[in-house]
C-alpha atoms as a PDB file:
ATOM      1  CA  MET A   1      51.862 -42.090 -26.405  1.00  0.00           C
ATOM      2  CA  PRO A   2      53.695 -40.061 -23.713  1.00  0.00           C
ATOM      3  CA  ILE A   3      51.799 -37.549 -21.597  1.00  0.00           C
ATOM      4  CA  ARG A   4      52.353 -33.910 -22.543  1.00  0.00           C
ATOM      5  CA  LEU A   5      52.084 -31.220 -19.853  1.00  0.00           C
ATOM      6  CA  LEU A   6      51.329 -27.574 -20.596  1.00  0.00           C
ATOM      7  CA  THR A   7      51.509 -24.855 -17.933  1.00  0.00           C
ATOM      8  CA  TYR A   8      49.489 -21.635 -18.037  1.00  0.00           C
ATOM      9  CA  THR A   9      49.914 -18.543 -15.873  1.00  0.00           C
ATOM     10  CA  LYS A  10      48.003 -16.055 -18.057  1.00  0.00           C
ATOM     11  CA  GLY A  11      44.260 -16.258 -18.540  1.00  0.00           C
ATOM     12  CA  ALA A  12      44.393 -14.807 -22.043  1.00  0.00           C
ATOM     13  CA  LYS A  13      46.281 -17.892 -23.245  1.00  0.00           C
ATOM     14  CA  LEU A  14      43.976 -20.490 -21.701  1.00  0.00           C
ATOM     15  CA  PRO A  15      42.286 -22.905 -24.112  1.00  0.00           C
ATOM     16  CA  ASP A  16      38.704 -24.096 -23.634  1.00  0.00           C
ATOM     17  CA  ILE A  17      39.025 -26.546 -20.731  1.00  0.00           C
ATOM     18  CA  PRO A  18      36.035 -28.491 -19.336  1.00  0.00           C
ATOM     19  CA  GLY A  19      35.459 -29.404 -15.696  1.00  0.00           C
ATOM     20  CA  SER A  20      32.895 -29.511 -12.910  1.00  0.00           C
ATOM     21  CA  SER A  21      34.874 -28.514  -9.792  1.00  0.00           C
ATOM     22  CA  LEU A  22      34.967 -24.833  -8.884  1.00  0.00           C
ATOM     23  CA  PHE A  23      38.301 -25.285  -7.109  1.00  0.00           C
ATOM     24  CA  GLN A  24      39.933 -26.615 -10.279  1.00  0.00           C
ATOM     25  CA  SER A  25      38.109 -24.349 -12.710  1.00  0.00           C
ATOM     26  CA  VAL A  26      39.135 -21.782 -15.272  1.00  0.00           C
ATOM     27  CA  GLU A  27      36.723 -19.411 -13.518  1.00  0.00           C
ATOM     28  CA  LEU A  28      38.684 -19.604 -10.276  1.00  0.00           C
ATOM     29  CA  PHE A  29      41.913 -19.176 -12.267  1.00  0.00           C
ATOM     30  CA  HIS A  30      40.591 -15.801 -13.456  1.00  0.00           C
ATOM     31  CA  VAL A  31      39.577 -14.857  -9.894  1.00  0.00           C
ATOM     32  CA  TYR A  32      43.138 -15.547  -8.729  1.00  0.00           C
ATOM     33  CA  GLU A  33      44.593 -13.698 -11.704  1.00  0.00           C
ATOM     34  CA  ASN A  34      42.580 -10.574 -10.908  1.00  0.00           C
ATOM     35  CA  THR A  35      43.438 -10.629  -7.193  1.00  0.00           C
ATOM     36  CA  PRO A  36      46.583  -8.725  -6.142  1.00  0.00           C
ATOM     37  CA  GLY A  37      49.071 -10.989  -4.403  1.00  0.00           C
ATOM     38  CA  TYR A  38      47.853 -14.125  -6.177  1.00  0.00           C
ATOM     39  CA  THR A  39      49.568 -15.950  -9.044  1.00  0.00           C
ATOM     40  CA  PRO A  40      47.566 -18.850 -10.530  1.00  0.00           C
ATOM     41  CA  ILE A  41      49.165 -21.846 -12.204  1.00  0.00           C
ATOM     42  CA  LEU A  42      47.091 -24.230 -14.317  1.00  0.00           C
ATOM     43  CA  MET A  43      48.706 -27.430 -15.563  1.00  0.00           C
ATOM     44  CA  VAL A  44      46.960 -29.342 -18.336  1.00  0.00           C
ATOM     45  CA  ALA A  45      47.850 -32.908 -19.325  1.00  0.00           C
ATOM     46  CA  TYR A  46      47.336 -34.268 -22.843  1.00  0.00           C
ATOM     47  CA  ASP A  47      47.610 -37.786 -24.194  1.00  0.00           C
ATOM     48  CA  GLY A  48      48.398 -36.843 -27.783  1.00  0.00           C
ATOM     49  CA  ASN A  49      45.756 -34.225 -28.557  1.00  0.00           C
ATOM     50  CA  ARG A  50      43.306 -35.584 -26.006  1.00  0.00           C
ATOM     51  CA  LEU A  51      42.832 -33.695 -22.724  1.00  0.00           C
ATOM     52  CA  VAL A  52      43.147 -36.123 -19.794  1.00  0.00           C
ATOM     53  CA  ALA A  53      43.685 -33.999 -16.657  1.00  0.00           C
ATOM     54  CA  LYS A  54      44.220 -30.555 -15.160  1.00  0.00           C
ATOM     55  CA  LEU A  55      45.577 -29.205 -11.881  1.00  0.00           C
ATOM     56  CA  LEU A  56      45.059 -25.668 -10.564  1.00  0.00           C
ATOM     57  CA  ALA A  57      47.376 -24.155  -7.955  1.00  0.00           C
ATOM     58  CA  VAL A  58      47.869 -20.628  -6.648  1.00  0.00           C
ATOM     59  CA  ILE A  59      50.858 -18.861  -5.148  1.00  0.00           C
ATOM     60  CA  GLN A  60      49.825 -16.484  -2.368  1.00  0.00           C
ATOM     61  CA  ARG A  61      52.187 -13.661  -1.590  1.00  0.00           C
ATOM     62  CA  GLY A  62      52.714 -13.258   2.146  1.00  0.00           C
ATOM     63  CA  ASN A  63      53.894 -10.154   3.961  1.00  0.00           C
ATOM     64  CA  ARG A  64      54.611  -7.488   1.358  1.00  0.00           C
ATOM     65  CA  TRP A  65      57.212  -5.905   3.648  1.00  0.00           C
ATOM     66  CA  LEU A  66      59.411  -9.010   3.564  1.00  0.00           C
ATOM     67  CA  PRO A  67      61.215  -9.447   0.229  1.00  0.00           C
ATOM     68  CA  GLY A  68      61.802 -12.838  -1.344  1.00  0.00           C
ATOM     69  CA  PRO A  69      59.827 -16.078  -0.979  1.00  0.00           C
ATOM     70  CA  TRP A  70      59.969 -16.446   2.815  1.00  0.00           C
ATOM     71  CA  THR A  71      56.271 -15.809   3.433  1.00  0.00           C
ATOM     72  CA  ASN A  72      54.872 -17.038   0.104  1.00  0.00           C
ATOM     73  CA  ARG A  73      52.895 -20.248  -0.069  1.00  0.00           C
ATOM     74  CA  CYS A  74      51.464 -22.404  -2.845  1.00  0.00           C
ATOM     75  CA  GLN A  75      48.020 -23.825  -2.163  1.00  0.00           C
ATOM     76  CA  VAL A  76      46.058 -26.467  -4.063  1.00  0.00           C
ATOM     77  CA  TYR A  77      42.429 -27.382  -3.433  1.00  0.00           C
ATOM     78  CA  GLU A  78      41.701 -30.967  -4.537  1.00  0.00           C
ATOM     79  CA  PRO A  79      44.145 -33.175  -6.495  1.00  0.00           C
ATOM     80  CA  GLY A  80      43.005 -32.029  -9.938  1.00  0.00           C
ATOM     81  CA  GLU A  81      40.329 -33.202 -12.361  1.00  0.00           C
ATOM     82  CA  TYR A  82      40.635 -36.228 -14.654  1.00  0.00           C
ATOM     83  CA  PHE A  83      38.787 -36.902 -17.892  1.00  0.00           C
ATOM     84  CA  ASP A  84      39.781 -40.494 -18.710  1.00  0.00           C
ATOM     85  CA  ASP A  85      38.564 -43.291 -16.431  1.00  0.00           C
ATOM     86  CA  HIS A  86      41.048 -45.744 -17.947  1.00  0.00           C
ATOM     87  CA  ILE A  87      44.142 -43.785 -17.039  1.00  0.00           C
ATOM     88  CA  ASP A  88      46.133 -44.312 -13.817  1.00  0.00           C
ATOM     89  CA  LYS A  89      45.090 -41.145 -11.943  1.00  0.00           C
ATOM     90  CA  ALA A  90      47.696 -41.474  -9.186  1.00  0.00           C
ATOM     91  CA  GLN A  91      50.531 -41.900 -11.692  1.00  0.00           C
ATOM     92  CA  LEU A  92      49.339 -38.963 -13.788  1.00  0.00           C
ATOM     93  CA  PHE A  93      48.948 -36.868 -10.660  1.00  0.00           C
ATOM     94  CA  GLY A  94      52.513 -37.769  -9.708  1.00  0.00           C
ATOM     95  CA  MET A  95      53.769 -36.318 -12.989  1.00  0.00           C
ATOM     96  CA  MET A  96      51.871 -33.073 -12.453  1.00  0.00           C
ATOM     97  CA  LEU A  97      52.932 -32.944  -8.800  1.00  0.00           C
ATOM     98  CA  ASN A  98      56.599 -33.320  -9.664  1.00  0.00           C
ATOM     99  CA  HIS A  99      56.391 -30.625 -12.324  1.00  0.00           C
ATOM    100  CA  LEU A 100      54.486 -28.217 -10.055  1.00  0.00           C
ATOM    101  CA  THR A 101      56.868 -28.751  -7.137  1.00  0.00           C
ATOM    102  CA  ASN A 102      59.977 -28.021  -9.215  1.00  0.00           C
ATOM    103  CA  LEU A 103      58.272 -25.017 -10.777  1.00  0.00           C
ATOM    104  CA  VAL A 104      57.179 -23.208  -7.611  1.00  0.00           C
ATOM    105  CA  LEU A 105      59.788 -24.155  -4.990  1.00  0.00           C
ATOM    106  CA  PRO A 106      62.184 -21.284  -5.864  1.00  0.00           C
ATOM    107  CA  ASN A 107      59.389 -18.769  -5.183  1.00  0.00           C
ATOM    108  CA  ILE A 108      57.663 -20.099  -2.074  1.00  0.00           C
ATOM    109  CA  PHE A 109      58.221 -21.220   1.493  1.00  0.00           C
ATOM    110  CA  ILE A 110      55.664 -24.037   1.650  1.00  0.00           C
ATOM    111  CA  ILE A 111      53.255 -25.980  -0.602  1.00  0.00           C
ATOM    112  CA  GLU A 112      49.937 -27.246   0.755  1.00  0.00           C
ATOM    113  CA  PHE A 113      47.454 -29.711  -0.755  1.00  0.00           C
ATOM    114  CA  ARG A 114      44.040 -29.776   0.892  1.00  0.00           C
ATOM    115  CA  ASN A 115      40.519 -31.139   0.278  1.00  0.00           C
ATOM    116  CA  ILE A 116      41.859 -34.591  -0.587  1.00  0.00           C
ATOM    117  CA  THR A 117      38.669 -36.647  -0.240  1.00  0.00           C
ATOM    118  CA  LYS A 118      40.511 -39.991  -0.316  1.00  0.00           C
ATOM    119  CA  PRO A 119      43.253 -39.867   2.351  1.00  0.00           C
ATOM    120  CA  LEU A 120      45.366 -42.546   0.646  1.00  0.00           C
ATOM    121  CA  PHE A 121      45.180 -41.055  -2.849  1.00  0.00           C
ATOM    122  CA  ALA A 122      48.659 -40.797  -4.431  1.00  0.00           C
ATOM    123  CA  TYR A 123      50.367 -41.507  -1.096  1.00  0.00           C
ATOM    124  CA  LYS A 124      53.437 -42.923  -2.869  1.00  0.00           C
ATOM    125  CA  GLU A 125      53.614 -39.987  -5.291  1.00  0.00           C
ATOM    126  CA  PHE A 126      53.472 -37.431  -2.482  1.00  0.00           C
ATOM    127  CA  ARG A 127      56.171 -39.184  -0.486  1.00  0.00           C
ATOM    128  CA  ASN A 128      58.412 -39.549  -3.550  1.00  0.00           C
ATOM    129  CA  ASN A 129      58.306 -35.760  -3.874  1.00  0.00           C
ATOM    130  CA  LEU A 130      59.225 -35.272  -0.189  1.00  0.00           C
ATOM    131  CA  TYR A 131      55.765 -34.191   0.951  1.00  0.00           C
ATOM    132  CA  PHE A 132      54.677 -35.111   4.456  1.00  0.00           C
ATOM    133  CA  PRO A 133      51.086 -35.726   5.593  1.00  0.00           C
ATOM    134  CA  VAL A 134      49.345 -34.141   8.552  1.00  0.00           C
ATOM    135  CA  ASN A 135      46.146 -35.693   9.831  1.00  0.00           C
ATOM    136  CA  TRP A 136      43.383 -33.098   9.649  1.00  0.00           C
ATOM    137  CA  MET A 137      39.693 -32.757  10.360  1.00  0.00           C
ATOM    138  CA  ARG A 138      36.902 -31.828   7.999  1.00  0.00           C
ATOM    139  CA  VAL A 139      33.528 -30.681   9.348  1.00  0.00           C
ATOM    140  CA  TYR A 140      30.443 -31.118   7.190  1.00  0.00           C
ATOM    141  CA  ASN A 141      26.638 -31.179   7.439  1.00  0.00           C
ATOM    142  CA  SER A 142      24.490 -33.625   5.512  1.00  0.00           C
ATOM    143  CA  LEU A 143      21.627 -31.774   3.843  1.00  0.00           C
ATOM    144  CA  HIS A 144      20.009 -34.593   1.860  1.00  0.00           C
ATOM    145  CA  SER A 145      18.411 -36.673   4.616  1.00  0.00           C
ATOM    146  CA  LYS A 146      16.619 -34.156   6.862  1.00  0.00           C
ATOM    147  CA  ASP A 147      16.049 -30.462   7.444  1.00  0.00           C
ATOM    148  CA  PRO A 148      19.256 -28.995   8.956  1.00  0.00           C
ATOM    149  CA  GLU A 149      17.153 -27.257  11.610  1.00  0.00           C
ATOM    150  CA  GLU A 150      16.488 -30.687  13.115  1.00  0.00           C
ATOM    151  CA  ARG A 151      20.242 -31.190  13.601  1.00  0.00           C
ATOM    152  CA  LEU A 152      20.801 -27.899  15.447  1.00  0.00           C
ATOM    153  CA  TYR A 153      21.750 -27.952  19.111  1.00  0.00           C
ATOM    154  CA  ALA A 154      18.909 -26.555  21.200  1.00  0.00           C
ATOM    155  CA  SER A 155      21.105 -23.663  22.358  1.00  0.00           C
ATOM    156  CA  ARG A 156      22.015 -22.814  18.756  1.00  0.00           C
ATOM    157  CA  LYS A 157      18.348 -22.824  17.726  1.00  0.00           C
ATOM    158  CA  ARG A 158      17.515 -20.393  20.540  1.00  0.00           C
ATOM    159  CA  GLN A 159      20.359 -18.089  19.457  1.00  0.00           C
ATOM    160  CA  ILE A 160      19.029 -17.964  15.899  1.00  0.00           C
ATOM    161  CA  GLN A 161      15.533 -17.154  17.134  1.00  0.00           C
ATOM    162  CA  LYS A 162      16.829 -14.456  19.498  1.00  0.00           C
ATOM    163  CA  GLY A 163      19.022 -12.931  16.795  1.00  0.00           C
ATOM    164  CA  PHE A 164      16.053 -12.339  14.513  1.00  0.00           C
ATOM    165  CA  ALA A 165      13.827 -11.264  17.419  1.00  0.00           C
ATOM    166  CA  ASN A 166      16.402  -8.632  18.396  1.00  0.00           C
ATOM    167  CA  GLY A 167      16.280  -6.952  15.008  1.00  0.00           C
ATOM    168  CA  ALA A 168      18.835  -8.785  12.859  1.00  0.00           C
ATOM    169  CA  THR A 169      18.044  -9.452   9.209  1.00  0.00           C
ATOM    170  CA  VAL A 170      19.871 -11.492   6.566  1.00  0.00           C
ATOM    171  CA  LYS A 171      20.057 -10.851   2.836  1.00  0.00           C
ATOM    172  CA  THR A 172      22.173 -11.745  -0.172  1.00  0.00           C
ATOM    173  CA  ALA A 173      24.690  -9.134  -1.295  1.00  0.00           C
ATOM    174  CA  ASN A 174      23.495  -7.452  -4.482  1.00  0.00           C
ATOM    175  CA  SER A 175      26.073  -4.717  -5.004  1.00  0.00           C
ATOM    176  CA  ILE A 176      29.818  -4.142  -5.017  1.00  0.00           C
ATOM    177  CA  GLU A 177      29.367  -1.637  -2.175  1.00  0.00           C
ATOM    178  CA  GLU A 178      27.872  -4.353   0.034  1.00  0.00           C
ATOM    179  CA  VAL A 179      30.758  -6.681  -0.762  1.00  0.00           C
ATOM    180  CA  LYS A 180      33.275  -3.967   0.119  1.00  0.00           C
ATOM    181  CA  SER A 181      31.526  -3.162   3.398  1.00  0.00           C
ATOM    182  CA  PHE A 182      31.392  -6.851   4.312  1.00  0.00           C
ATOM    183  CA  VAL A 183      35.098  -7.362   3.576  1.00  0.00           C
ATOM    184  CA  ALA A 184      36.058  -4.277   5.608  1.00  0.00           C
ATOM    185  CA  MET A 185      34.043  -5.597   8.566  1.00  0.00           C
ATOM    186  CA  LEU A 186      35.404  -9.122   8.246  1.00  0.00           C
ATOM    187  CA  LYS A 187      39.003  -7.983   7.978  1.00  0.00           C
ATOM    188  CA  ARG A 188      38.695  -6.072  11.243  1.00  0.00           C
ATOM    189  CA  ILE A 189      37.328  -8.991  13.232  1.00  0.00           C
ATOM    190  CA  TYR A 190      38.829 -12.033  11.536  1.00  0.00           C
ATOM    191  CA  SER A 191      40.769 -14.194  13.948  1.00  0.00           C
ATOM    192  CA  SER A 192      44.232 -15.447  12.993  1.00  0.00           C
ATOM    193  CA  LYS A 193      43.277 -18.659  14.773  1.00  0.00           C
ATOM    194  CA  ILE A 194      40.834 -19.403  11.962  1.00  0.00           C
ATOM    195  CA  LEU A 195      42.899 -18.410   8.940  1.00  0.00           C
ATOM    196  CA  LYS A 196      46.038 -16.300   8.903  1.00  0.00           C
ATOM    197  CA  HIS A 197      45.840 -15.375   5.239  1.00  0.00           C
ATOM    198  CA  PHE A 198      43.225 -12.809   4.203  1.00  0.00           C
ATOM    199  CA  PRO A 199      42.774 -12.112   0.476  1.00  0.00           C
ATOM    200  CA  ASP A 200      42.575  -8.760  -1.223  1.00  0.00           C
ATOM    201  CA  ILE A 201      39.065  -7.383  -1.643  1.00  0.00           C
ATOM    202  CA  ASN A 202      39.159  -8.169  -5.381  1.00  0.00           C
ATOM    203  CA  PHE A 203      39.027 -11.874  -4.528  1.00  0.00           C
ATOM    204  CA  PHE A 204      35.579 -11.462  -2.977  1.00  0.00           C
ATOM    205  CA  ILE A 205      34.277  -9.133  -5.675  1.00  0.00           C
ATOM    206  CA  GLN A 206      35.424 -11.363  -8.527  1.00  0.00           C
ATOM    207  CA  LEU A 207      34.152 -14.568  -6.931  1.00  0.00           C
ATOM    208  CA  VAL A 208      30.689 -13.218  -6.137  1.00  0.00           C
ATOM    209  CA  LYS A 209      30.040 -11.496  -9.470  1.00  0.00           C
ATOM    210  CA  LEU A 210      31.593 -14.240 -11.607  1.00  0.00           C
ATOM    211  CA  HIS A 211      29.061 -16.012 -13.839  1.00  0.00           C
ATOM    212  CA  PRO A 212      26.019 -15.510 -11.564  1.00  0.00           C
ATOM    213  CA  GLU A 213      24.017 -17.887 -13.754  1.00  0.00           C
ATOM    214  CA  LYS A 214      26.298 -20.732 -12.599  1.00  0.00           C
ATOM    215  CA  GLU A 215      26.171 -19.738  -8.925  1.00  0.00           C
ATOM    216  CA  ASN A 216      29.825 -20.264  -8.110  1.00  0.00           C
ATOM    217  CA  ALA A 217      29.492 -18.321  -4.860  1.00  0.00           C
ATOM    218  CA  ARG A 218      27.041 -16.277  -2.810  1.00  0.00           C
ATOM    219  CA  LEU A 219      27.595 -13.699  -0.085  1.00  0.00           C
ATOM    220  CA  PHE A 220      25.148 -13.555   2.826  1.00  0.00           C
ATOM    221  CA  ILE A 221      25.085 -10.379   4.927  1.00  0.00           C
ATOM    222  CA  VAL A 222      23.671  -9.870   8.417  1.00  0.00           C
ATOM    223  CA  TYR A 223      22.224  -6.393   9.064  1.00  0.00           C
ATOM    224  CA  HIS A 224      21.067  -4.550  12.170  1.00  0.00           C
ATOM    225  CA  LYS A 225      19.506  -1.135  11.639  1.00  0.00           C
ATOM    226  CA  GLU A 226      21.064  -0.853   8.153  1.00  0.00           C
ATOM    227  CA  LYS A 227      24.534  -1.652   9.507  1.00  0.00           C
ATOM    228  CA  ILE A 228      26.465  -4.734   8.416  1.00  0.00           C
ATOM    229  CA  ILE A 229      27.296  -6.746  11.539  1.00  0.00           C
ATOM    230  CA  GLY A 230      28.145 -10.122  10.029  1.00  0.00           C
ATOM    231  CA  GLY A 231      28.230 -12.241   6.924  1.00  0.00           C
ATOM    232  CA  SER A 232      29.491 -15.335   5.151  1.00  0.00           C
ATOM    233  CA  LEU A 233      30.891 -16.273   1.760  1.00  0.00           C
ATOM    234  CA  CYS A 234      29.705 -19.634   0.456  1.00  0.00           C
ATOM    235  CA  ALA A 235      31.112 -21.365  -2.636  1.00  0.00           C
ATOM    236  CA  PHE A 236      29.333 -24.141  -4.563  1.00  0.00           C
ATOM    237  CA  SER A 237      30.937 -27.069  -6.338  1.00  0.00           C
ATOM    238  CA  ASN A 238      29.707 -30.508  -7.430  1.00  0.00           C
ATOM    239  CA  GLY A 239      26.590 -30.497  -5.255  1.00  0.00           C
ATOM    240  CA  THR A 240      28.397 -29.324  -2.113  1.00  0.00           C
ATOM    241  CA  ALA A 241      28.311 -25.884  -0.487  1.00  0.00           C
ATOM    242  CA  TYR A 242      31.584 -24.714   1.087  1.00  0.00           C
ATOM    243  CA  LEU A 243      31.682 -22.030   3.762  1.00  0.00           C
ATOM    244  CA  TRP A 244      34.863 -20.173   2.816  1.00  0.00           C
ATOM    245  CA  PHE A 245      34.693 -17.102   5.091  1.00  0.00           C
ATOM    246  CA  SER A 246      32.329 -16.017   7.851  1.00  0.00           C
ATOM    247  CA  GLY A 247      32.266 -13.757  10.888  1.00  0.00           C
ATOM    248  CA  GLY A 248      30.249 -11.346  12.961  1.00  0.00           C
ATOM    249  CA  MET A 249      30.621  -8.417  15.346  1.00  0.00           C
ATOM    250  CA  ARG A 250      29.769 -10.508  18.394  1.00  0.00           C
ATOM    251  CA  LYS A 251      31.295  -8.089  20.925  1.00  0.00           C
ATOM    252  CA  THR A 252      29.304  -5.022  19.932  1.00  0.00           C
ATOM    253  CA  HIS A 253      26.148  -6.834  18.740  1.00  0.00           C
ATOM    254  CA  LYS A 254      26.066  -9.797  21.083  1.00  0.00           C
ATOM    255  CA  ILE A 255      22.280 -10.126  21.346  1.00  0.00           C
ATOM    256  CA  GLN A 256      21.893 -10.283  17.549  1.00  0.00           C
ATOM    257  CA  TYR A 257      24.298 -13.279  17.282  1.00  0.00           C
ATOM    258  CA  PRO A 258      25.657 -12.106  13.886  1.00  0.00           C
ATOM    259  CA  GLY A 259      28.240 -14.896  13.573  1.00  0.00           C
ATOM    260  CA  VAL A 260      25.596 -17.544  14.202  1.00  0.00           C
ATOM    261  CA  LEU A 261      23.139 -16.016  11.725  1.00  0.00           C
ATOM    262  CA  ALA A 262      25.859 -15.686   9.058  1.00  0.00           C
ATOM    263  CA  VAL A 263      26.571 -19.420   9.154  1.00  0.00           C
ATOM    264  CA  TRP A 264      22.925 -20.405   9.455  1.00  0.00           C
ATOM    265  CA  ALA A 265      21.946 -18.286   6.440  1.00  0.00           C
ATOM    266  CA  ALA A 266      24.444 -20.187   4.271  1.00  0.00           C
ATOM    267  CA  ILE A 267      23.318 -23.600   5.572  1.00  0.00           C
ATOM    268  CA  HIS A 268      19.628 -22.795   5.177  1.00  0.00           C
ATOM    269  CA  TYR A 269      20.107 -21.460   1.645  1.00  0.00           C
ATOM    270  CA  SER A 270      22.132 -24.513   0.611  1.00  0.00           C
ATOM    271  CA  TYR A 271      19.432 -26.868   1.914  1.00  0.00           C
ATOM    272  CA  LYS A 272      16.626 -24.974   0.174  1.00  0.00           C
ATOM    273  CA  HIS A 273      18.557 -25.115  -3.115  1.00  0.00           C
ATOM    274  CA  ASN A 274      19.137 -28.871  -2.949  1.00  0.00           C
ATOM    275  CA  TYR A 275      22.843 -29.042  -2.211  1.00  0.00           C
ATOM    276  CA  GLN A 276      23.727 -32.423  -0.746  1.00  0.00           C
ATOM    277  CA  HIS A 277      26.399 -31.413   1.744  1.00  0.00           C
ATOM    278  CA  PHE A 278      27.657 -28.305   3.500  1.00  0.00           C
ATOM    279  CA  GLU A 279      31.348 -28.176   4.418  1.00  0.00           C
ATOM    280  CA  PHE A 280      33.342 -25.743   6.551  1.00  0.00           C
ATOM    281  CA  MET A 281      36.654 -25.046   4.822  1.00  0.00           C
ATOM    282  CA  ASN A 282      38.742 -23.668   7.702  1.00  0.00           C
ATOM    283  CA  VAL A 283      38.233 -25.476  10.996  1.00  0.00           C
ATOM    284  CA  GLY A 284      41.613 -25.046  12.658  1.00  0.00           C
ATOM    285  CA  VAL A 285      44.463 -27.457  13.312  1.00  0.00           C
ATOM    286  CA  PRO A 286      43.365 -30.941  14.432  1.00  0.00           C
ATOM    287  CA  PHE A 287      45.818 -31.575  17.234  1.00  0.00           C
ATOM    288  CA  ARG A 288      44.483 -29.074  19.770  1.00  0.00           C
ATOM    289  CA  LEU A 289      41.147 -27.689  20.894  1.00  0.00           C
ATOM    290  CA  HIS A 290      39.874 -24.940  18.658  1.00  0.00           C
ATOM    291  CA  GLY A 291      37.066 -22.547  19.553  1.00  0.00           C
ATOM    292  CA  TYR A 292      35.836 -22.077  15.993  1.00  0.00           C
ATOM    293  CA  ARG A 293      35.556 -25.825  15.416  1.00  0.00           C
ATOM    294  CA  GLU A 294      33.487 -26.181  18.576  1.00  0.00           C
ATOM    295  CA  PHE A 295      31.330 -23.280  17.371  1.00  0.00           C
ATOM    296  CA  ILE A 296      30.489 -24.824  13.993  1.00  0.00           C
ATOM    297  CA  LEU A 297      29.875 -28.329  15.366  1.00  0.00           C
ATOM    298  CA  ARG A 298      26.847 -26.924  17.216  1.00  0.00           C
ATOM    299  CA  PHE A 299      25.133 -26.544  13.837  1.00  0.00           C
ATOM    300  CA  GLY A 300      24.825 -30.328  13.786  1.00  0.00           C
ATOM    301  CA  GLY A 301      27.855 -31.155  11.653  1.00  0.00           C
ATOM    302  CA  LYS A 302      30.122 -34.176  11.775  1.00  0.00           C
ATOM    303  CA  GLU A 303      33.887 -34.487  11.888  1.00  0.00           C
ATOM    304  CA  ARG A 304      35.736 -36.586   9.350  1.00  0.00           C
ATOM    305  CA  SER A 305      39.410 -37.466   9.420  1.00  0.00           C
ATOM    306  CA  THR A 306      41.455 -36.596   6.353  1.00  0.00           C
ATOM    307  CA  ARG A 307      44.989 -35.556   5.381  1.00  0.00           C
ATOM    308  CA  ARG A 308      46.703 -32.434   4.180  1.00  0.00           C
ATOM    309  CA  TRP A 309      50.028 -32.726   2.416  1.00  0.00           C
ATOM    310  CA  PHE A 310      52.854 -30.216   2.865  1.00  0.00           C
ATOM    311  CA  ARG A 311      56.256 -29.615   1.318  1.00  0.00           C
ATOM    312  CA  PHE A 312      58.734 -27.070   2.649  1.00  0.00           C
ATOM    313  CA  ARG A 313      61.298 -25.317   0.516  1.00  0.00           C
ATOM    314  CA  TRP A 314      64.179 -27.102   2.246  1.00  0.00           C
ATOM    315  CA  LYS A 315      64.682 -30.881   2.169  1.00  0.00           C
ATOM    316  CA  TRP A 316      66.031 -31.059   5.718  1.00  0.00           C
ATOM    317  CA  LEU A 317      62.904 -29.377   7.069  1.00  0.00           C
ATOM    318  CA  ASN A 318      60.687 -31.872   5.239  1.00  0.00           C
ATOM    319  CA  LYS A 319      62.646 -34.758   6.753  1.00  0.00           C
ATOM    320  CA  LEU A 320      62.285 -33.242  10.216  1.00  0.00           C
ATOM    321  CA  ALA A 321      58.542 -32.721   9.729  1.00  0.00           C
ATOM    322  CA  THR A 322      58.153 -36.270   8.392  1.00  0.00           C
ATOM    323  CA  TRP A 323      59.848 -37.656  11.498  1.00  0.00           C
ATOM    324  CA  PHE A 324      57.574 -35.569  13.704  1.00  0.00           C
ATOM    325  CA  TYR A 325      54.240 -36.361  12.024  1.00  0.00           C
ATOM    326  CA  LEU A 326      54.708 -39.981  10.912  1.00  0.00           C
END
């Protein structure tokens, strides 16, 4: 029986869809839907009446002062979820990829697929749709074999101790006001070298308060004398904790090491709550030195080579990029 694809852009019309990955979940679809500047797209594949796969993507609006699609991008975390072990996942993904590409290209400048755990997954399908791969780095900490404190660099351990000794405290955000204050602080200090796109505040509010019983995400805040000086947003999916955003006011509160404590709070919490791995989601481009990547590696993490796949709006630009990167 031929595969049937259905596309949803409105949460009110979504059927009951199972899944275990936060990044491909209906919950994250609703977060995107309630965030200004975001347009979610959920594709669901059926074999007859039987659900076999789903793929969640989001279109992020770029600069609001520039009309048209020139700064818009479509981003996909993970290559979907599949519910039939006997089906050819790469072939099914290729169908969804082709449909998604044709659907969003008129409205965006670039499409990006990231968090592909198997670098060779659907290589043929990506290339057939004119995507080009870029070798990337992922940084992660193993939490299942030993206490993460044992993996810390000695200098990083001293910074954590000094931060607390100099009056810094860390807590979990428990109110919308704390989330708003954290986002305002982070937006002021966030470096474009880490991530150029910064979501609307509703993204953080929706993600943190969404289904707290399932613990999709948690916000850790660093205080000094009742002032927020740092923090981190950590998402949880399939036994792995993902550091999505973090930062600290290191220039004005240097001796409290707020950026260090923000990351350490997320790692320590994830270890204590039995998550197997801790991954940093935004570690900079792989082909040049990057200060943030050097910063997070001092928490004892490891680098792993992977790929991200990109597709520009114009075919000639994809061919040029393919020649450059392959």
